[in-house]
C-alpha cells in the first residue's frame, strides 16, 4: 500500500529543503569571505527569510493534478 502525500505538502517540503540549503550556503560563504561568525545577525535574518521564502516557493510552484 503506497500512501501519497498531498501536493501542497510535497511542494512545501521541497521549498523548505531548498531554503535550508540556501541559508546554509549563504552562512558558509559569509563566514568564508569575512572570517566573522554569521551569528546572530545573518542567522536571525535567515530565519525570517526562511518563512517568507518557503511560502513563496510553495505557493508559487506550478500546480499539478491530484494523484
N, C-alpha and C. Protein backbone atom coordinates (compact mmCIF):
# COMPACT_ATOMS: atom_id res chain seq x y z
N UNK A 1 0.84 -1.17 0.00
CA UNK A 1 0.00 0.00 0.00
C UNK A 1 0.89 1.24 0.00
N UNK A 2 0.77 2.04 -1.01
CA UNK A 2 1.57 3.25 -1.13
C UNK A 2 0.68 4.45 -0.78
N UNK A 3 1.16 5.25 0.16
CA UNK A 3 0.42 6.44 0.54
C UNK A 3 1.10 7.65 -0.06
N UNK A 4 0.33 8.48 -0.69
CA UNK A 4 0.86 9.69 -1.30
C UNK A 4 0.57 10.87 -0.39
N UNK A 5 1.53 11.78 -0.32
CA UNK A 5 1.30 12.98 0.46
C UNK A 5 0.63 14.02 -0.43
N UNK A 6 -0.16 14.90 0.14
CA UNK A 6 -0.83 15.93 -0.67
C UNK A 6 0.19 16.78 -1.43
N UNK A 7 -0.22 17.26 -2.58
CA UNK A 7 0.69 18.01 -3.46
C UNK A 7 1.22 19.27 -2.78
N UNK A 8 0.38 19.99 -2.05
CA UNK A 8 0.84 21.22 -1.41
C UNK A 8 1.86 20.92 -0.31
N UNK A 9 1.67 19.84 0.41
CA UNK A 9 2.64 19.45 1.44
C UNK A 9 3.97 19.04 0.80
N UNK A 10 3.89 18.34 -0.30
CA UNK A 10 5.10 17.95 -1.02
C UNK A 10 5.87 19.20 -1.50
N UNK A 11 5.14 20.16 -2.05
CA UNK A 11 5.77 21.40 -2.52
C UNK A 11 6.37 22.17 -1.35
N UNK A 12 5.69 22.18 -0.20
CA UNK A 12 6.21 22.86 0.97
C UNK A 12 7.49 22.20 1.46
N UNK A 13 7.54 20.88 1.49
CA UNK A 13 8.75 20.19 1.94
C UNK A 13 9.93 20.44 1.01
N UNK A 14 9.67 20.46 -0.28
CA UNK A 14 10.74 20.76 -1.24
C UNK A 14 11.22 22.20 -1.05
N UNK A 15 10.30 23.13 -0.88
CA UNK A 15 10.66 24.53 -0.68
C UNK A 15 11.45 24.70 0.62
N UNK A 16 11.06 23.99 1.68
CA UNK A 16 11.77 24.08 2.95
C UNK A 16 13.19 23.55 2.82
N UNK A 17 13.36 22.47 2.08
CA UNK A 17 14.70 21.91 1.86
C UNK A 17 15.56 22.88 1.06
N UNK A 18 14.98 23.50 0.03
CA UNK A 18 15.73 24.46 -0.77
C UNK A 18 16.13 25.69 0.05
N UNK A 19 15.22 26.20 0.86
CA UNK A 19 15.54 27.37 1.67
C UNK A 19 16.58 27.05 2.74
N UNK A 20 16.54 25.84 3.29
CA UNK A 20 17.55 25.43 4.26
C UNK A 20 18.92 25.36 3.61
N UNK A 21 18.98 24.76 2.42
CA UNK A 21 20.25 24.67 1.70
C UNK A 21 20.77 26.06 1.32
N UNK A 22 19.90 26.93 0.87
CA UNK A 22 20.30 28.28 0.50
C UNK A 22 20.81 29.05 1.72
N UNK A 23 20.10 28.95 2.84
CA UNK A 23 20.52 29.63 4.05
C UNK A 23 21.87 29.14 4.56
N UNK A 24 22.08 27.84 4.51
CA UNK A 24 23.36 27.28 4.93
C UNK A 24 24.49 27.74 4.01
N UNK A 25 24.23 27.76 2.71
CA UNK A 25 25.24 28.20 1.75
C UNK A 25 25.61 29.66 1.96
N UNK A 26 24.62 30.51 2.20
CA UNK A 26 24.89 31.93 2.43
C UNK A 26 25.72 32.12 3.70
N UNK A 27 25.37 31.38 4.76
CA UNK A 27 26.12 31.50 6.02
C UNK A 27 27.57 31.04 5.85
N UNK A 28 27.78 29.94 5.13
CA UNK A 28 29.14 29.44 4.92
C UNK A 28 29.95 30.41 4.05
N UNK A 29 29.35 30.93 3.01
CA UNK A 29 30.06 31.88 2.14
C UNK A 29 30.39 33.15 2.92
N UNK A 30 29.46 33.64 3.72
CA UNK A 30 29.70 34.82 4.55
C UNK A 30 30.87 34.57 5.49
N UNK A 31 30.86 33.42 6.15
CA UNK A 31 31.91 33.07 7.10
C UNK A 31 33.25 32.94 6.39
N UNK A 32 33.25 32.34 5.19
CA UNK A 32 34.47 32.13 4.43
C UNK A 32 35.10 33.45 3.99
N UNK A 33 34.28 34.36 3.48
CA UNK A 33 34.82 35.61 2.94
C UNK A 33 35.14 36.66 4.01
N UNK A 34 34.40 36.68 5.10
CA UNK A 34 34.64 37.72 6.12
C UNK A 34 35.44 37.21 7.30
N UNK A 35 35.42 35.91 7.54
CA UNK A 35 36.09 35.36 8.71
C UNK A 35 35.33 35.62 10.00
N UNK A 36 34.15 36.22 9.88
CA UNK A 36 33.31 36.51 11.04
C UNK A 36 32.19 35.47 11.15
N UNK A 37 31.80 35.19 12.37
CA UNK A 37 30.69 34.27 12.58
C UNK A 37 29.40 34.92 12.09
N UNK A 38 28.58 34.18 11.37
CA UNK A 38 27.33 34.75 10.89
C UNK A 38 26.27 34.91 11.99
N UNK A 39 26.58 34.47 13.20
CA UNK A 39 25.63 34.61 14.29
C UNK A 39 25.83 35.97 14.92
N UNK A 40 24.89 36.73 15.34
CA UNK A 40 23.45 36.47 15.31
C UNK A 40 22.76 37.14 14.13
N UNK A 41 23.38 38.13 13.52
CA UNK A 41 22.67 38.97 12.55
C UNK A 41 22.24 38.19 11.32
N UNK A 42 23.16 37.51 10.68
CA UNK A 42 22.83 36.80 9.44
C UNK A 42 21.89 35.63 9.71
N UNK A 43 22.15 34.88 10.75
CA UNK A 43 21.33 33.71 11.06
C UNK A 43 19.90 34.14 11.42
N UNK A 44 19.75 35.17 12.23
CA UNK A 44 18.41 35.64 12.59
C UNK A 44 17.66 36.19 11.38
N UNK A 45 18.37 36.86 10.50
CA UNK A 45 17.73 37.36 9.28
C UNK A 45 17.31 36.20 8.39
N UNK A 46 18.12 35.14 8.35
CA UNK A 46 17.78 33.98 7.53
C UNK A 46 16.57 33.23 8.06
N UNK A 47 16.37 33.26 9.36
CA UNK A 47 15.20 32.57 9.93
C UNK A 47 13.92 33.22 9.44
N UNK A 48 13.87 34.55 9.45
CA UNK A 48 12.67 35.21 8.95
C UNK A 48 12.55 35.05 7.44
N UNK A 49 13.66 35.08 6.73
CA UNK A 49 13.63 34.88 5.28
C UNK A 49 13.22 33.46 4.93
N UNK A 50 13.55 32.51 5.79
CA UNK A 50 13.17 31.12 5.56
C UNK A 50 11.65 30.98 5.46
N UNK A 51 10.95 31.62 6.38
CA UNK A 51 9.49 31.54 6.36
C UNK A 51 8.90 32.14 5.10
N UNK A 52 9.34 33.34 4.76
CA UNK A 52 8.82 34.00 3.56
C UNK A 52 9.21 33.24 2.30
N UNK A 53 10.44 32.81 2.21
CA UNK A 53 10.90 32.10 1.01
C UNK A 53 10.19 30.78 0.82
N UNK A 54 9.97 30.06 1.91
CA UNK A 54 9.28 28.77 1.82
C UNK A 54 7.86 28.96 1.33
N UNK A 55 7.18 29.94 1.88
CA UNK A 55 5.80 30.20 1.46
C UNK A 55 5.75 30.61 -0.01
N UNK A 56 6.65 31.49 -0.41
CA UNK A 56 6.66 31.94 -1.82
C UNK A 56 6.98 30.80 -2.78
N UNK A 57 7.93 29.95 -2.42
CA UNK A 57 8.26 28.83 -3.30
C UNK A 57 7.13 27.80 -3.36
N UNK A 58 6.51 27.51 -2.22
CA UNK A 58 5.45 26.50 -2.19
C UNK A 58 4.20 26.99 -2.91
N UNK A 59 3.81 28.22 -2.68
CA UNK A 59 2.58 28.73 -3.29
C UNK A 59 2.79 29.07 -4.77
N UNK A 60 3.96 29.54 -5.10
CA UNK A 60 4.23 29.95 -6.48
C UNK A 60 4.66 28.82 -7.40
N UNK A 61 4.72 27.60 -6.89
CA UNK A 61 5.15 26.48 -7.73
C UNK A 61 4.03 26.07 -8.68
N UNK A 62 4.40 25.46 -9.79
CA UNK A 62 3.37 25.03 -10.75
C UNK A 62 2.42 24.01 -10.12
N UNK A 63 1.19 24.13 -10.45
CA UNK A 63 0.19 23.19 -9.92
C UNK A 63 0.18 21.91 -10.73
N UNK A 64 -0.03 20.82 -10.03
CA UNK A 64 -0.14 19.54 -10.71
C UNK A 64 -1.49 18.93 -10.38
N UNK A 65 -1.90 17.99 -11.17
CA UNK A 65 -3.18 17.34 -10.91
C UNK A 65 -3.08 16.47 -9.67
N UNK A 66 -4.20 16.28 -9.02
CA UNK A 66 -4.22 15.38 -7.86
C UNK A 66 -3.90 13.98 -8.32
N UNK A 67 -3.25 13.27 -7.45
CA UNK A 67 -2.82 11.91 -7.81
C UNK A 67 -3.92 10.91 -7.64
